[in-house]
Amino acid sequence: MRPARTPIGLKLNRTARIVGRAFDQALTEAGGSLPVWLVLLNLKTRKIANQRELAQAIGVREPTLTKQLHELETRGLLTRQRHPENRRIHHVELTEAGEQAFLQLRDAAIAFDRRLRAGLTDDETAQLADLLDRLVDNVGGRDHATPGCPNTSQGRAAERKHTVAQPRTDTKRKERE
């Protein structure tokens, strides 16, 4: 027997895949990728002491991050310096080219976010964010939320500090009515 409605988990999964692919495409067109964006974003917006902390912030294993960092270092986007007292620890910093790449990808992310919010009012966007948070809570996922995304009130406050204000969209609702 077919359910009367599509299960919310299936709809959410399908939406996430479609939106994720579109975001990846936007980042690719800006000269990056989601992994590059997550590295640059975390280096720019968080106080990261070393490579291990960066891996934890992004939610990847250290060997995976090491490969990504090697590629970004080869491209001149960051530098890695060994800790003088413990050579297993690397301190990672953006170069000037990395700062420029961050700005390009940030602009692409902002443009994508505007596209995603098209037709939604500020209230609808806030409600959607709250509903998504509730879904995460419903599955006990607060401790396992998507890496690189703020999942605490402290993280959301840091995210707000580093995002550009979005244009008001309240007029769009009036246009639809």
Protein backbone atom coordinates (compact mmCIF):
# COMPACT_ATOMS: atom_id res chain seq x y z
CA MET A 1 0.00 0.00 0.00
CA ARG A 2 1.30 3.41 -0.96
CA PRO A 3 1.58 6.08 1.75
CA ALA A 4 -0.79 9.05 1.39
CA ARG A 5 2.19 11.40 1.41
CA THR A 6 5.84 11.06 0.51
CA PRO A 7 7.76 10.39 3.75
CA ILE A 8 9.49 13.56 4.92
CA GLY A 9 12.87 11.76 5.12
CA LEU A 10 12.74 10.84 1.43
CA LYS A 11 11.70 14.34 0.43
CA LEU A 12 14.45 15.84 2.60
CA ASN A 13 17.05 13.44 1.16
CA ARG A 14 16.06 14.24 -2.42
CA THR A 15 16.07 17.98 -1.72
CA ALA A 16 19.48 17.78 -0.05
CA ARG A 17 20.96 15.92 -3.04
CA ILE A 18 19.56 18.39 -5.58
CA VAL A 19 20.58 21.45 -3.58
CA GLY A 20 23.99 19.92 -2.79
CA ARG A 21 24.71 19.26 -6.48
CA ALA A 22 23.67 22.79 -7.39
CA PHE A 23 25.94 24.21 -4.66
CA ASP A 24 28.85 22.05 -5.84
CA GLN A 25 28.29 23.37 -9.38
CA ALA A 26 28.28 26.97 -8.16
CA LEU A 27 31.56 26.41 -6.30
CA THR A 28 33.08 24.64 -9.31
CA GLU A 29 32.18 27.58 -11.55
CA ALA A 30 33.95 29.85 -9.03
CA GLY A 31 37.11 27.73 -9.24
CA GLY A 32 36.64 25.58 -6.16
CA SER A 33 34.77 22.68 -4.64
CA LEU A 34 32.97 21.91 -1.41
CA PRO A 35 36.09 20.40 0.25
CA VAL A 36 38.16 23.46 -0.76
CA TRP A 37 35.42 25.79 0.49
CA LEU A 38 35.22 23.99 3.85
CA VAL A 39 38.99 24.21 4.37
CA LEU A 40 39.19 27.88 3.40
CA LEU A 41 36.06 28.81 5.36
CA ASN A 42 37.27 27.12 8.54
CA LEU A 43 40.76 28.62 8.28
CA LYS A 44 39.27 32.06 7.73
CA THR A 45 36.48 32.02 10.32
CA ARG A 46 37.77 29.86 13.17
CA LYS A 47 40.81 29.91 15.36
CA ILE A 48 42.40 26.65 14.22
CA ALA A 49 45.63 25.81 15.99
CA ASN A 50 46.74 22.87 13.86
CA GLN A 51 45.89 20.35 11.17
CA ARG A 52 44.19 17.96 13.63
CA GLU A 53 41.76 20.68 14.76
CA LEU A 54 41.03 21.56 11.14
CA ALA A 55 40.21 17.92 10.34
CA GLN A 56 37.84 17.81 13.32
CA ALA A 57 36.18 21.10 12.34
CA ILE A 58 35.57 19.89 8.78
CA GLY A 59 34.63 16.36 9.81
CA VAL A 60 37.20 14.38 7.85
CA ARG A 61 39.95 12.02 8.91
CA GLU A 62 43.45 13.46 9.14
CA PRO A 63 44.82 11.40 6.20
CA THR A 64 42.01 12.71 3.99
CA LEU A 65 42.71 16.27 5.07
CA THR A 66 46.45 15.80 4.55
CA LYS A 67 45.82 14.95 0.90
CA GLN A 68 43.51 17.98 0.48
CA LEU A 69 45.99 20.29 2.18
CA HIS A 70 48.84 19.03 0.00
CA GLU A 71 46.80 19.88 -3.10
CA LEU A 72 45.90 23.33 -1.75
CA GLU A 73 49.51 23.97 -0.75
CA THR A 74 50.65 22.96 -4.26
CA ARG A 75 48.14 25.45 -5.68
CA GLY A 76 49.61 28.13 -3.40
CA LEU A 77 46.44 28.65 -1.36
CA LEU A 78 47.92 27.81 2.04
CA THR A 79 51.11 27.04 3.89
CA ARG A 80 51.82 24.33 6.45
CA GLN A 81 54.53 24.78 9.04
CA ARG A 82 55.74 22.06 11.37
CA HIS A 83 55.52 22.82 15.06
CA PRO A 84 59.11 23.40 16.30
CA GLU A 85 58.71 21.11 19.33
CA ASN A 86 56.49 18.42 17.82
CA ARG A 87 57.14 17.78 14.14
CA ARG A 88 53.95 15.71 13.82
CA ILE A 89 51.87 18.87 14.30
CA HIS A 90 51.36 21.24 11.37
CA HIS A 91 50.10 24.81 11.65
CA VAL A 92 48.05 25.77 8.57
CA GLU A 93 47.56 29.32 7.26
CA LEU A 94 46.02 30.90 4.17
CA THR A 95 48.31 32.63 1.70
CA GLU A 96 47.31 35.78 -0.18
CA ALA A 97 46.11 33.53 -3.03
CA GLY A 98 44.13 31.53 -0.46
CA GLU A 99 42.55 34.74 0.82
CA GLN A 100 41.53 35.59 -2.76
CA ALA A 101 40.16 32.10 -3.36
CA PHE A 102 38.19 32.40 -0.13
CA LEU A 103 36.65 35.68 -1.34
CA GLN A 104 35.72 34.15 -4.72
CA LEU A 105 34.11 31.12 -3.13
CA ARG A 106 32.43 33.27 -0.48
CA ASP A 107 30.87 35.38 -3.24
CA ALA A 108 29.68 32.20 -4.99
CA ALA A 109 28.25 30.87 -1.71
CA ILE A 110 26.45 34.16 -1.03
CA ALA A 111 25.01 34.25 -4.56
CA PHE A 112 23.89 30.63 -4.21
CA ASP A 113 22.28 31.39 -0.85
CA ARG A 114 20.37 34.30 -2.42
CA ARG A 115 19.21 31.98 -5.20
CA LEU A 116 18.14 29.39 -2.65
CA ARG A 117 16.18 31.98 -0.63
CA ALA A 118 14.38 33.40 -3.69
CA GLY A 119 10.67 33.67 -3.02
CA LEU A 120 11.04 33.08 0.72
CA THR A 121 10.39 35.77 3.29
CA ASP A 122 12.74 36.30 6.21
CA ASP A 123 10.14 34.69 8.48
CA GLU A 124 9.84 31.65 6.20
CA THR A 125 13.61 31.29 6.06
CA ALA A 126 13.85 31.44 9.85
CA GLN A 127 11.01 28.93 10.17
CA LEU A 128 12.72 26.58 7.72
CA ALA A 129 15.97 26.79 9.68
CA ASP A 130 14.12 26.04 12.91
CA LEU A 131 12.28 23.09 11.34
CA LEU A 132 15.53 21.64 9.98
CA ASP A 133 17.11 21.99 13.44
CA ARG A 134 14.12 20.15 14.92
CA LEU A 135 14.52 17.32 12.42
CA VAL A 136 18.16 17.00 13.45
CA ASP A 137 17.11 16.96 17.10
CA ASN A 138 14.39 14.36 16.35
CA VAL A 139 16.98 11.89 15.10
CA GLY A 140 19.42 12.67 17.92
CA GLY A 141 21.83 14.20 15.46
CA ARG A 142 22.97 17.31 17.31
CA ASP A 143 26.22 15.59 18.22
CA HIS A 144 26.60 14.22 14.69
CA ALA A 145 25.56 17.26 12.64
CA THR A 146 27.18 18.01 9.32
CA PRO A 147 30.84 18.92 9.85
CA GLY A 148 31.82 22.44 8.95
CA CYS A 149 28.32 23.67 9.75
CA PRO A 150 27.52 25.38 13.02
CA ASN A 151 25.44 23.10 15.22
CA THR A 152 25.50 25.00 18.47
CA SER A 153 24.29 28.43 19.49
CA GLN A 154 27.96 29.44 19.72
CA GLY A 155 28.62 28.13 16.20
CA ARG A 156 25.55 29.88 14.79
CA ALA A 157 26.69 33.14 16.41
CA ALA A 158 30.12 32.73 14.77
CA GLU A 159 28.44 32.00 11.44
CA ARG A 160 26.34 35.19 11.67
CA LYS A 161 29.49 37.18 12.43
CA HIS A 162 31.11 36.04 9.16
CA THR A 163 28.18 36.18 6.78
CA VAL A 164 27.06 39.07 4.66
CA ALA A 165 23.58 40.37 5.35
CA GLN A 166 21.01 39.08 2.89
CA PRO A 167 18.58 41.46 1.21
CA ARG A 168 15.10 41.58 2.73
CA THR A 169 12.62 39.42 0.90
CA ASP A 170 9.40 40.36 2.68
CA THR A 171 8.14 42.07 -0.48
CA LYS A 172 8.22 38.79 -2.40
CA ARG A 173 5.45 37.37 -0.25
CA LYS A 174 3.27 40.39 -1.00
CA GLU A 175 3.93 39.94 -4.72
CA ARG A 176 2.77 36.31 -4.52
CA GLU A 177 -0.47 37.19 -2.69
